[in-house]
C-alpha atoms as a PDB file:
ATOM      1  CA  MET A   1       0.000   0.000   0.000  1.00  0.00           C
ATOM      2  CA  GLY A   2       2.823   2.404   0.878  1.00  0.00           C
ATOM      3  CA  PHE A   3       4.433   1.733  -2.520  1.00  0.00           C
ATOM      4  CA  PHE A   4       1.280   2.829  -4.370  1.00  0.00           C
ATOM      5  CA  ILE A   5       0.966   5.994  -2.286  1.00  0.00           C
ATOM      6  CA  CYS A   6       4.618   6.914  -2.928  1.00  0.00           C
ATOM      7  CA  THR A   7       4.265   6.173  -6.653  1.00  0.00           C
ATOM      8  CA  THR A   8       1.103   8.273  -6.914  1.00  0.00           C
ATOM      9  CA  LEU A   9       2.742  11.103  -4.994  1.00  0.00           C
ATOM     10  CA  ALA A  10       5.838  10.972  -7.240  1.00  0.00           C
ATOM     11  CA  PHE A  11       3.752  11.153 -10.437  1.00  0.00           C
ATOM     12  CA  THR A  12       1.671  14.013  -9.039  1.00  0.00           C
ATOM     13  CA  CYS A  13       4.796  15.998  -8.127  1.00  0.00           C
ATOM     14  CA  ALA A  14       6.321  15.334 -11.545  1.00  0.00           C
ATOM     15  CA  LEU A  15       3.215  16.672 -13.273  1.00  0.00           C
ATOM     16  CA  LEU A  16       2.889  19.764 -11.086  1.00  0.00           C
ATOM     17  CA  VAL A  17       6.527  20.895 -11.208  1.00  0.00           C
ATOM     18  CA  PRO A  18       7.156  23.093 -14.277  1.00  0.00           C
ATOM     19  CA  GLN A  19       9.596  21.617 -16.734  1.00  0.00           C
ATOM     20  CA  ALA A  20      12.678  23.674 -17.621  1.00  0.00           C
ATOM     21  CA  GLN A  21      13.143  24.043 -21.357  1.00  0.00           C
ATOM     22  CA  ALA A  22      15.939  25.629 -23.332  1.00  0.00           C
ATOM     23  CA  GLU A  23      14.731  28.741 -25.127  1.00  0.00           C
ATOM     24  CA  GLY A  24      17.055  28.445 -28.096  1.00  0.00           C
ATOM     25  CA  VAL A  25      16.406  30.512 -31.194  1.00  0.00           C
ATOM     26  CA  GLY A  26      12.603  30.184 -31.053  1.00  0.00           C
ATOM     27  CA  ARG A  27      11.000  33.540 -30.476  1.00  0.00           C
ATOM     28  CA  MET A  28      11.114  36.304 -33.079  1.00  0.00           C
ATOM     29  CA  ALA A  29      14.019  34.868 -35.082  1.00  0.00           C
ATOM     30  CA  MET A  30      11.843  32.009 -36.283  1.00  0.00           C
ATOM     31  CA  ASP A  31       8.507  33.811 -36.619  1.00  0.00           C
ATOM     32  CA  GLY A  32       7.375  34.056 -40.239  1.00  0.00           C
ATOM     33  CA  ASN A  33       5.772  37.468 -39.603  1.00  0.00           C
ATOM     34  CA  TYR A  34       9.181  39.031 -38.887  1.00  0.00           C
ATOM     35  CA  TYR A  35      11.299  37.127 -41.404  1.00  0.00           C
ATOM     36  CA  GLU A  36      11.405  39.964 -43.946  1.00  0.00           C
ATOM     37  CA  PHE A  37      12.720  42.381 -41.279  1.00  0.00           C
ATOM     38  CA  GLN A  38      15.686  40.211 -40.292  1.00  0.00           C
ATOM     39  CA  ASP A  39      18.880  41.551 -41.866  1.00  0.00           C
ATOM     40  CA  ILE A  40      22.059  40.083 -40.386  1.00  0.00           C
ATOM     41  CA  ALA A  41      24.334  42.366 -42.430  1.00  0.00           C
ATOM     42  CA  ARG A  42      22.503  45.429 -41.100  1.00  0.00           C
ATOM     43  CA  ALA A  43      22.662  44.098 -37.531  1.00  0.00           C
ATOM     44  CA  PHE A  44      26.471  43.865 -37.683  1.00  0.00           C
ATOM     45  CA  ASN A  45      27.023  47.079 -39.674  1.00  0.00           C
ATOM     46  CA  PHE A  46      28.359  49.365 -36.951  1.00  0.00           C
ATOM     47  CA  THR A  47      31.756  50.724 -35.980  1.00  0.00           C
ATOM     48  CA  THR A  48      31.514  50.383 -32.218  1.00  0.00           C
ATOM     49  CA  PHE A  49      34.290  48.594 -30.394  1.00  0.00           C
ATOM     50  CA  LEU A  50      32.756  45.742 -28.359  1.00  0.00           C
ATOM     51  CA  TRP A  51      34.009  44.214 -25.133  1.00  0.00           C
ATOM     52  CA  LEU A  52      33.191  40.529 -24.761  1.00  0.00           C
ATOM     53  CA  TYR A  53      31.186  40.056 -21.567  1.00  0.00           C
ATOM     54  CA  GLY A  54      30.198  36.432 -22.075  1.00  0.00           C
ATOM     55  CA  SER A  55      30.472  33.677 -24.629  1.00  0.00           C
ATOM     56  CA  ASN A  56      28.586  30.605 -25.758  1.00  0.00           C
ATOM     57  CA  TYR A  57      31.753  28.518 -25.716  1.00  0.00           C
ATOM     58  CA  LYS A  58      34.087  27.537 -22.913  1.00  0.00           C
ATOM     59  CA  ILE A  59      37.438  29.267 -22.603  1.00  0.00           C
ATOM     60  CA  PRO A  60      39.785  26.707 -21.011  1.00  0.00           C
ATOM     61  CA  LYS A  61      41.032  27.474 -17.500  1.00  0.00           C
ATOM     62  CA  PRO A  62      43.638  28.660 -16.837  1.00  0.00           C
ATOM     63  CA  SER A  63      43.565  30.546 -20.103  1.00  0.00           C
ATOM     64  CA  ASN A  64      45.571  33.623 -19.099  1.00  0.00           C
ATOM     65  CA  ILE A  65      43.313  35.530 -21.503  1.00  0.00           C
ATOM     66  CA  LYS A  66      41.734  38.817 -20.456  1.00  0.00           C
ATOM     67  CA  CYS A  67      40.330  42.014 -21.942  1.00  0.00           C
ATOM     68  CA  ILE A  68      38.673  40.236 -24.881  1.00  0.00           C
ATOM     69  CA  SER A  69      37.153  42.520 -27.499  1.00  0.00           C
ATOM     70  CA  VAL A  70      35.633  42.163 -30.950  1.00  0.00           C
ATOM     71  CA  LYS A  71      36.224  44.611 -33.782  1.00  0.00           C
ATOM     72  CA  ILE A  72      34.249  44.355 -37.024  1.00  0.00           C
ATOM     73  CA  SER A  73      36.230  45.512 -40.042  1.00  0.00           C
ATOM     74  CA  GLU A  74      33.973  44.754 -43.025  1.00  0.00           C
ATOM     75  CA  VAL A  75      30.350  43.685 -43.505  1.00  0.00           C
ATOM     76  CA  SER A  76      28.558  42.788 -46.728  1.00  0.00           C
ATOM     77  CA  GLU A  77      25.331  40.970 -47.509  1.00  0.00           C
ATOM     78  CA  HIS A  78      27.367  37.760 -47.893  1.00  0.00           C
ATOM     79  CA  GLY A  79      29.497  37.813 -44.742  1.00  0.00           C
ATOM     80  CA  MET A  80      31.830  39.763 -42.524  1.00  0.00           C
ATOM     81  CA  ASN A  81      35.449  40.095 -41.452  1.00  0.00           C
ATOM     82  CA  PHE A  82      36.227  40.728 -37.816  1.00  0.00           C
ATOM     83  CA  SER A  83      39.004  40.348 -35.288  1.00  0.00           C
ATOM     84  CA  SER A  84      39.231  39.334 -31.680  1.00  0.00           C
ATOM     85  CA  GLU A  85      41.742  41.294 -29.649  1.00  0.00           C
ATOM     86  CA  PHE A  86      42.863  40.173 -26.209  1.00  0.00           C
ATOM     87  CA  ILE A  87      45.738  40.067 -23.752  1.00  0.00           C
ATOM     88  CA  GLN A  88      47.369  36.690 -23.143  1.00  0.00           C
ATOM     89  CA  ASN A  89      50.322  36.265 -20.785  1.00  0.00           C
ATOM     90  CA  ASN A  90      50.721  40.066 -20.661  1.00  0.00           C
ATOM     91  CA  ALA A  91      51.055  40.293 -24.462  1.00  0.00           C
ATOM     92  CA  SER A  92      48.505  41.834 -26.822  1.00  0.00           C
ATOM     93  CA  ARG A  93      47.207  39.417 -29.481  1.00  0.00           C
ATOM     94  CA  THR A  94      44.831  39.630 -32.427  1.00  0.00           C
ATOM     95  CA  LEU A  95      43.041  36.812 -34.242  1.00  0.00           C
ATOM     96  CA  ASN A  96      41.340  37.551 -37.563  1.00  0.00           C
ATOM     97  CA  TYR A  97      38.133  35.808 -38.607  1.00  0.00           C
ATOM     98  CA  SER A  98      35.822  35.679 -41.622  1.00  0.00           C
ATOM     99  CA  GLY A  99      32.170  34.707 -41.408  1.00  0.00           C
ATOM    100  CA  ILE A 100      29.761  33.752 -44.166  1.00  0.00           C
ATOM    101  CA  PHE A 101      26.063  34.483 -43.706  1.00  0.00           C
ATOM    102  CA  TYR A 102      23.581  31.810 -44.667  1.00  0.00           C
ATOM    103  CA  ASN A 103      19.811  31.705 -44.755  1.00  0.00           C
ATOM    104  CA  SER A 104      18.019  29.776 -42.075  1.00  0.00           C
ATOM    105  CA  TRP A 105      14.728  28.080 -42.675  1.00  0.00           C
ATOM    106  CA  ASN A 106      11.597  30.167 -42.606  1.00  0.00           C
ATOM    107  CA  VAL A 107       8.942  29.114 -40.138  1.00  0.00           C
ATOM    108  CA  THR A 108       5.444  30.236 -40.979  1.00  0.00           C
ATOM    109  CA  ASN A 109       2.411  30.160 -38.761  1.00  0.00           C
END
């Protein structure tokens, strides 16, 4: 009898506790009503110097890397060129990158 009460209680708790879900790219980026207004080249077309506050990748510890910044040098409708500037072991370093824009799928309602 105790087993059935515990099982019932466990299922009830599992159903009542909200489930955590990753938000991902859902929202406006995938909404068909806003697709025509999304312009990645326009979003990156600025001259502001950016400090990196966080990242979506892990920087290995100890990395001896600090003062990470991103500087965009060229943007077109096809891609962009940018550099990452940082200090590593008390020496200033720069890594150059190129990115190619691609179209994601369009989700319509």
